[in-house]
Amino acid sequence: MRVLQGVNLVEISKLEASVKRQKGISLKRMFTPAERDYCAGKRMKFEHYAARLAAKKAFLQAVGINLKKKDAFAGIEVRNEPSGKPRIELSPRIRKIAGIMPEDQIELSLAHEREYAIATVVIVKR
C-alpha cells in the first residue's frame, strides 16, 4: 500500500479576475458542465470554483504529473455525494495518465472563505 498526498491553495480574487479577463472562456476549459452548473447556483460562486480548481491541482500534485493544457482539468471532476461530501471522478484518459486503478481510494477535503480556497487530496494505492 502506498499513500499519495497533494495540497493546493487558490486565491479567489485572482481566479475571478482571470475568468473576467477571458470572458468566461477559462471556465469552459477547466470545469465540466456539471461543475459549472453547481458553482453558478451558489451565491459566492467563485469560492466554489476556486475550491474545485484547488482540488484538481492537489490531485495532480498527489500523483506527480503536470498537465500543461488547462482543458485537461475538465477530465478531473469534483462532485458531491448526497451527504455533501466532495469526491473526485476521473475521465478514463486522466485515470490512465495518473495510474489510478479501480481499487485505489481517493479522498478529498475542501475549504473556502472570502480570500482563499484550499483542497487536500489523499490517494491510497492498493
N, C-alpha and C. Protein backbone atom coordinates (compact mmCIF):
# COMPACT_ATOMS: atom_id res chain seq x y z
N MET A 1 0.85 -1.18 0.00
CA MET A 1 0.00 0.00 0.00
C MET A 1 0.90 1.24 0.00
N ARG A 2 0.51 2.22 -0.80
CA ARG A 2 1.22 3.50 -0.89
C ARG A 2 0.22 4.63 -0.70
N VAL A 3 0.63 5.68 -0.01
CA VAL A 3 -0.24 6.83 0.22
C VAL A 3 0.38 8.04 -0.48
N LEU A 4 -0.43 8.71 -1.30
CA LEU A 4 -0.01 9.92 -2.02
C LEU A 4 -0.84 11.08 -1.50
N GLN A 5 -0.24 12.26 -1.40
CA GLN A 5 -0.97 13.41 -0.88
C GLN A 5 -0.63 14.66 -1.68
N GLY A 6 -1.64 15.50 -1.88
CA GLY A 6 -1.45 16.79 -2.53
C GLY A 6 -2.29 17.85 -1.85
N VAL A 7 -1.77 19.06 -1.79
CA VAL A 7 -2.48 20.20 -1.18
C VAL A 7 -2.33 21.39 -2.11
N ASN A 8 -3.41 22.16 -2.29
CA ASN A 8 -3.31 23.35 -3.12
C ASN A 8 -4.17 24.46 -2.56
N LEU A 9 -3.67 25.68 -2.66
CA LEU A 9 -4.35 26.88 -2.20
C LEU A 9 -4.56 27.81 -3.39
N VAL A 10 -5.79 28.30 -3.57
CA VAL A 10 -6.11 29.20 -4.68
C VAL A 10 -6.61 30.52 -4.11
N GLU A 11 -6.06 31.61 -4.62
CA GLU A 11 -6.53 32.94 -4.23
C GLU A 11 -7.76 33.26 -5.09
N ILE A 12 -8.89 33.41 -4.45
CA ILE A 12 -10.17 33.53 -5.15
C ILE A 12 -10.21 34.76 -6.05
N SER A 13 -9.71 35.89 -5.59
CA SER A 13 -9.77 37.12 -6.40
C SER A 13 -8.95 36.98 -7.69
N LYS A 14 -7.85 36.25 -7.65
CA LYS A 14 -7.05 36.04 -8.86
C LYS A 14 -7.80 35.18 -9.87
N LEU A 15 -8.47 34.14 -9.39
CA LEU A 15 -9.26 33.30 -10.29
C LEU A 15 -10.40 34.11 -10.91
N GLU A 16 -11.09 34.88 -10.09
CA GLU A 16 -12.20 35.70 -10.58
C GLU A 16 -11.73 36.70 -11.63
N ALA A 17 -10.61 37.37 -11.38
CA ALA A 17 -10.07 38.34 -12.34
C ALA A 17 -9.68 37.66 -13.65
N SER A 18 -9.09 36.49 -13.56
CA SER A 18 -8.70 35.75 -14.76
C SER A 18 -9.92 35.36 -15.59
N VAL A 19 -10.95 34.89 -14.92
CA VAL A 19 -12.17 34.48 -15.63
C VAL A 19 -12.82 35.68 -16.31
N LYS A 20 -12.88 36.80 -15.62
CA LYS A 20 -13.50 38.01 -16.20
C LYS A 20 -12.67 38.54 -17.36
N ARG A 21 -11.36 38.47 -17.24
CA ARG A 21 -10.47 38.94 -18.31
C ARG A 21 -10.66 38.08 -19.56
N GLN A 22 -10.87 36.79 -19.38
CA GLN A 22 -11.04 35.87 -20.50
C GLN A 22 -12.50 35.69 -20.89
N LYS A 23 -13.38 36.47 -20.29
CA LYS A 23 -14.81 36.43 -20.59
C LYS A 23 -15.40 35.03 -20.42
N GLY A 24 -14.96 34.33 -19.38
CA GLY A 24 -15.53 33.03 -19.05
C GLY A 24 -14.98 31.85 -19.83
N ILE A 25 -14.10 32.10 -20.79
CA ILE A 25 -13.56 31.00 -21.60
C ILE A 25 -12.86 29.97 -20.73
N SER A 26 -12.10 30.44 -19.74
CA SER A 26 -11.35 29.51 -18.89
C SER A 26 -12.27 28.60 -18.09
N LEU A 27 -13.47 29.07 -17.74
CA LEU A 27 -14.40 28.21 -17.01
C LEU A 27 -14.78 27.00 -17.84
N LYS A 28 -15.00 27.20 -19.12
CA LYS A 28 -15.38 26.09 -20.00
C LYS A 28 -14.23 25.11 -20.22
N ARG A 29 -13.01 25.60 -20.16
CA ARG A 29 -11.85 24.72 -20.35
C ARG A 29 -11.47 23.97 -19.08
N MET A 30 -11.69 24.58 -17.92
CA MET A 30 -11.23 23.99 -16.67
C MET A 30 -12.28 23.19 -15.92
N PHE A 31 -13.56 23.45 -16.20
CA PHE A 31 -14.62 22.83 -15.41
C PHE A 31 -15.63 22.12 -16.31
N THR A 32 -16.16 21.03 -15.81
CA THR A 32 -17.18 20.28 -16.55
C THR A 32 -18.50 21.04 -16.50
N PRO A 33 -19.45 20.70 -17.38
CA PRO A 33 -20.76 21.34 -17.31
C PRO A 33 -21.42 21.17 -15.94
N ALA A 34 -21.28 20.00 -15.34
CA ALA A 34 -21.88 19.77 -14.01
C ALA A 34 -21.24 20.68 -12.96
N GLU A 35 -19.93 20.87 -13.03
CA GLU A 35 -19.25 21.76 -12.08
C GLU A 35 -19.69 23.21 -12.29
N ARG A 36 -19.81 23.61 -13.54
CA ARG A 36 -20.24 24.99 -13.82
C ARG A 36 -21.66 25.22 -13.34
N ASP A 37 -22.54 24.25 -13.54
CA ASP A 37 -23.92 24.37 -13.06
C ASP A 37 -23.95 24.48 -11.54
N TYR A 38 -23.16 23.63 -10.88
CA TYR A 38 -23.12 23.64 -9.41
C TYR A 38 -22.65 25.01 -8.90
N CYS A 39 -21.54 25.49 -9.41
CA CYS A 39 -20.97 26.75 -8.93
C CYS A 39 -21.85 27.95 -9.28
N ALA A 40 -22.43 27.93 -10.47
CA ALA A 40 -23.28 29.05 -10.90
C ALA A 40 -24.49 29.22 -9.99
N GLY A 41 -24.93 28.13 -9.37
CA GLY A 41 -26.08 28.18 -8.48
C GLY A 41 -25.76 28.65 -7.07
N LYS A 42 -24.52 28.94 -6.81
CA LYS A 42 -24.10 29.36 -5.46
C LYS A 42 -23.97 30.87 -5.39
N ARG A 43 -24.26 31.43 -4.22
CA ARG A 43 -24.17 32.88 -4.03
C ARG A 43 -22.73 33.36 -4.21
N MET A 44 -21.78 32.65 -3.65
CA MET A 44 -20.35 33.01 -3.76
C MET A 44 -19.70 32.04 -4.73
N LYS A 45 -20.11 32.13 -5.99
CA LYS A 45 -19.71 31.11 -6.97
C LYS A 45 -18.20 30.99 -7.15
N PHE A 46 -17.46 32.08 -7.06
CA PHE A 46 -16.01 31.98 -7.29
C PHE A 46 -15.30 31.26 -6.15
N GLU A 47 -15.86 31.27 -4.94
CA GLU A 47 -15.31 30.45 -3.86
C GLU A 47 -15.41 28.97 -4.23
N HIS A 48 -16.52 28.59 -4.82
CA HIS A 48 -16.74 27.19 -5.19
C HIS A 48 -15.89 26.80 -6.40
N TYR A 49 -15.77 27.69 -7.36
CA TYR A 49 -14.87 27.42 -8.49
C TYR A 49 -13.43 27.25 -7.99
N ALA A 50 -13.01 28.14 -7.10
CA ALA A 50 -11.63 28.09 -6.60
C ALA A 50 -11.37 26.81 -5.82
N ALA A 51 -12.34 26.35 -5.05
CA ALA A 51 -12.17 25.10 -4.30
C ALA A 51 -12.02 23.93 -5.26
N ARG A 52 -12.79 23.93 -6.33
CA ARG A 52 -12.70 22.85 -7.32
C ARG A 52 -11.37 22.90 -8.08
N LEU A 53 -10.92 24.09 -8.40
CA LEU A 53 -9.62 24.22 -9.06
C LEU A 53 -8.50 23.74 -8.13
N ALA A 54 -8.58 24.11 -6.86
CA ALA A 54 -7.59 23.66 -5.88
C ALA A 54 -7.59 22.13 -5.80
N ALA A 55 -8.77 21.52 -5.86
CA ALA A 55 -8.86 20.05 -5.80
C ALA A 55 -8.18 19.41 -7.00
N LYS A 56 -8.40 19.97 -8.17
CA LYS A 56 -7.79 19.42 -9.39
C LYS A 56 -6.27 19.53 -9.33
N LYS A 57 -5.78 20.68 -8.87
CA LYS A 57 -4.33 20.87 -8.76
C LYS A 57 -3.74 19.98 -7.67
N ALA A 58 -4.45 19.82 -6.56
CA ALA A 58 -3.97 18.94 -5.48
C ALA A 58 -3.91 17.49 -5.95
N PHE A 59 -4.90 17.07 -6.75
CA PHE A 59 -4.87 15.71 -7.29
C PHE A 59 -3.64 15.52 -8.17
N LEU A 60 -3.40 16.46 -9.07
CA LEU A 60 -2.24 16.35 -9.96
C LEU A 60 -0.93 16.35 -9.17
N GLN A 61 -0.88 17.14 -8.12
CA GLN A 61 0.31 17.15 -7.26
C GLN A 61 0.48 15.79 -6.58
N ALA A 62 -0.61 15.21 -6.11
CA ALA A 62 -0.53 13.92 -5.41
C ALA A 62 0.01 12.82 -6.32
N VAL A 63 -0.43 12.81 -7.57
CA VAL A 63 0.01 11.75 -8.49
C VAL A 63 1.31 12.11 -9.19
N GLY A 64 1.76 13.35 -9.03
CA GLY A 64 3.06 13.75 -9.56
C GLY A 64 3.11 13.96 -11.05
N ILE A 65 1.99 14.44 -11.62
CA ILE A 65 2.00 14.74 -13.05
C ILE A 65 1.68 16.21 -13.27
N ASN A 66 2.18 16.74 -14.36
CA ASN A 66 1.95 18.14 -14.70
C ASN A 66 1.33 18.19 -16.09
N LEU A 67 0.03 18.46 -16.14
CA LEU A 67 -0.66 18.58 -17.42
C LEU A 67 -0.61 20.03 -17.84
N LYS A 68 -0.05 20.30 -18.99
CA LYS A 68 0.15 21.67 -19.44
C LYS A 68 -1.13 22.33 -19.95
N LYS A 69 -1.99 21.55 -20.62
CA LYS A 69 -3.20 22.14 -21.19
C LYS A 69 -4.25 22.31 -20.10
N LYS A 70 -4.80 23.52 -20.01
CA LYS A 70 -5.81 23.76 -18.99
C LYS A 70 -7.06 22.93 -19.22
N ASP A 71 -7.35 22.56 -20.47
CA ASP A 71 -8.57 21.77 -20.70
C ASP A 71 -8.44 20.36 -20.14
N ALA A 72 -7.23 19.95 -19.75
CA ALA A 72 -7.06 18.65 -19.10
C ALA A 72 -7.76 18.65 -17.74
N PHE A 73 -7.94 19.83 -17.13
CA PHE A 73 -8.64 19.91 -15.86
C PHE A 73 -10.07 19.39 -15.96
N ALA A 74 -10.67 19.49 -17.13
CA ALA A 74 -12.05 19.02 -17.29
C ALA A 74 -12.14 17.51 -17.15
N GLY A 75 -11.03 16.79 -17.24
CA GLY A 75 -11.02 15.34 -17.04
C GLY A 75 -10.97 14.95 -15.58
N ILE A 76 -10.86 15.94 -14.70
CA ILE A 76 -10.88 15.73 -13.25
C ILE A 76 -12.10 16.47 -12.75
N GLU A 77 -13.10 15.76 -12.30
CA GLU A 77 -14.36 16.40 -11.91
C GLU A 77 -14.60 16.26 -10.41
N VAL A 78 -14.99 17.37 -9.79
CA VAL A 78 -15.36 17.35 -8.37
C VAL A 78 -16.87 17.30 -8.29
N ARG A 79 -17.36 16.28 -7.64
CA ARG A 79 -18.80 16.10 -7.45
C ARG A 79 -19.07 15.95 -5.96
N ASN A 80 -20.33 16.04 -5.59
CA ASN A 80 -20.69 15.88 -4.18
C ASN A 80 -21.56 14.64 -4.01
N GLU A 81 -21.30 13.91 -2.93
CA GLU A 81 -22.16 12.80 -2.53
C GLU A 81 -23.49 13.42 -2.06
N PRO A 82 -24.55 12.62 -1.97
CA PRO A 82 -25.81 13.15 -1.42
C PRO A 82 -25.63 13.78 -0.03
N SER A 83 -24.67 13.29 0.72
CA SER A 83 -24.39 13.83 2.06
C SER A 83 -23.69 15.19 2.00
N GLY A 84 -23.19 15.57 0.81
CA GLY A 84 -22.45 16.81 0.65
C GLY A 84 -20.95 16.61 0.59
N LYS A 85 -20.48 15.40 0.92
CA LYS A 85 -19.04 15.12 0.90
C LYS A 85 -18.53 15.20 -0.53
N PRO A 86 -17.45 15.96 -0.76
CA PRO A 86 -16.91 16.06 -2.12
C PRO A 86 -16.12 14.80 -2.50
N ARG A 87 -16.12 14.51 -3.79
CA ARG A 87 -15.33 13.39 -4.30
C ARG A 87 -14.79 13.77 -5.68
N ILE A 88 -13.74 13.07 -6.09
CA ILE A 88 -13.15 13.29 -7.41
C ILE A 88 -13.52 12.14 -8.32
N GLU A 89 -13.97 12.48 -9.52
CA GLU A 89 -14.21 11.49 -10.57
C GLU A 89 -13.26 11.81 -11.72
N LEU A 90 -12.68 10.76 -12.29
CA LEU A 90 -11.68 10.93 -13.34
C LEU A 90 -12.16 10.39 -14.67
N SER A 91 -11.80 11.08 -15.74
CA SER A 91 -12.06 10.55 -17.07
C SER A 91 -11.13 9.36 -17.29
N PRO A 92 -11.47 8.45 -18.20
CA PRO A 92 -10.57 7.32 -18.48
C PRO A 92 -9.16 7.78 -18.87
N ARG A 93 -9.06 8.86 -19.62
CA ARG A 93 -7.75 9.38 -20.05
C ARG A 93 -6.89 9.81 -18.86
N ILE A 94 -7.48 10.59 -17.96
CA ILE A 94 -6.74 11.07 -16.79
C ILE A 94 -6.42 9.89 -15.87
N ARG A 95 -7.37 8.97 -15.70
CA ARG A 95 -7.14 7.79 -14.86
C ARG A 95 -5.91 7.02 -15.36
N LYS A 96 -5.80 6.88 -16.68
CA LYS A 96 -4.67 6.15 -17.26
C LYS A 96 -3.36 6.92 -17.08
N ILE A 97 -3.37 8.21 -17.39
CA ILE A 97 -2.17 9.04 -17.25
C ILE A 97 -1.67 9.04 -15.79
N ALA A 98 -2.62 9.13 -14.85
CA ALA A 98 -2.27 9.22 -13.43
C ALA A 98 -1.96 7.87 -12.80
N GLY A 99 -2.28 6.79 -13.51
CA GLY A 99 -2.02 5.46 -12.97
C GLY A 99 -2.95 5.09 -11.82
N ILE A 100 -4.18 5.58 -11.88
CA ILE A 100 -5.16 5.28 -10.84
C ILE A 100 -5.96 4.05 -11.24
N MET A 101 -5.95 3.06 -10.37
CA MET A 101 -6.65 1.80 -10.60
C MET A 101 -8.02 1.84 -9.91
N PRO A 102 -8.96 0.99 -10.34
CA PRO A 102 -10.30 0.98 -9.72
C PRO A 102 -10.26 0.74 -8.20
N GLU A 103 -9.30 -0.02 -7.74
CA GLU A 103 -9.23 -0.33 -6.30
C GLU A 103 -8.58 0.79 -5.48
N ASP A 104 -7.99 1.77 -6.12
CA ASP A 104 -7.37 2.89 -5.39
C ASP A 104 -8.46 3.78 -4.80
N GLN A 105 -8.18 4.32 -3.62
CA GLN A 105 -9.14 5.16 -2.91
C GLN A 105 -8.66 6.60 -2.96
N ILE A 106 -9.55 7.51 -3.39
CA ILE A 106 -9.22 8.94 -3.46
C ILE A 106 -10.09 9.67 -2.44
N GLU A 107 -9.46 10.36 -1.51
CA GLU A 107 -10.18 11.16 -0.52
C GLU A 107 -9.91 12.63 -0.80
N LEU A 108 -10.95 13.45 -0.63
CA LEU A 108 -10.86 14.88 -0.93
C LEU A 108 -11.46 15.69 0.20
N SER A 109 -10.78 16.76 0.57
CA SER A 109 -11.30 17.71 1.55
C SER A 109 -11.17 19.11 0.95
N LEU A 110 -12.25 19.89 1.04
CA LEU A 110 -12.28 21.26 0.51
C LEU A 110 -12.64 22.24 1.62
N ALA A 111 -12.09 23.45 1.53
CA ALA A 111 -12.49 24.54 2.42
C ALA A 111 -12.31 25.84 1.65
N HIS A 112 -13.18 26.81 1.95
CA HIS A 112 -13.03 28.12 1.33
C HIS A 112 -13.65 29.19 2.21
N GLU A 113 -13.13 30.39 2.04
CA GLU A 113 -13.67 31.58 2.69
C GLU A 113 -13.49 32.73 1.71
N ARG A 114 -13.64 33.95 2.12
CA ARG A 114 -13.66 35.06 1.16
C ARG A 114 -12.41 35.21 0.31
N GLU A 115 -11.23 34.91 0.84
CA GLU A 115 -10.00 35.17 0.10
C GLU A 115 -9.36 33.95 -0.54
N TYR A 116 -9.49 32.80 0.12
CA TYR A 116 -8.77 31.61 -0.34
C TYR A 116 -9.65 30.37 -0.34
N ALA A 117 -9.28 29.44 -1.20
CA ALA A 117 -9.87 28.10 -1.19
C ALA A 117 -8.71 27.12 -1.12
N ILE A 118 -8.91 26.03 -0.40
CA ILE A 118 -7.86 25.04 -0.23
C ILE A 118 -8.45 23.65 -0.43
N ALA A 119 -7.63 22.76 -0.95
CA ALA A 119 -8.05 21.37 -1.12
C ALA A 119 -6.89 20.46 -0.73
N THR A 120 -7.25 19.35 -0.13
CA THR A 120 -6.29 18.29 0.19
C THR A 120 -6.80 17.01 -0.45
N VAL A 121 -5.92 16.33 -1.15
CA VAL A 121 -6.24 15.04 -1.77
C VAL A 121 -5.30 13.99 -1.19
N VAL A 122 -5.88 12.88 -0.75
CA VAL A 122 -5.11 11.74 -0.29
C VAL A 122 -5.53 10.55 -1.13
N ILE A 123 -4.56 9.88 -1.71
CA ILE A 123 -4.83 8.70 -2.54
C ILE A 123 -4.16 7.50 -1.88
N VAL A 124 -4.96 6.47 -1.62
CA VAL A 124 -4.43 5.23 -1.08
C VAL A 124 -4.38 4.24 -2.23
N LYS A 125 -3.16 3.90 -2.63
CA LYS A 125 -2.95 2.96 -3.74
C LYS A 125 -2.82 1.56 -3.15
N ARG A 126 -3.66 0.67 -3.58
CA ARG A 126 -3.68 -0.70 -3.02
C ARG A 126 -2.93 -1.67 -3.89
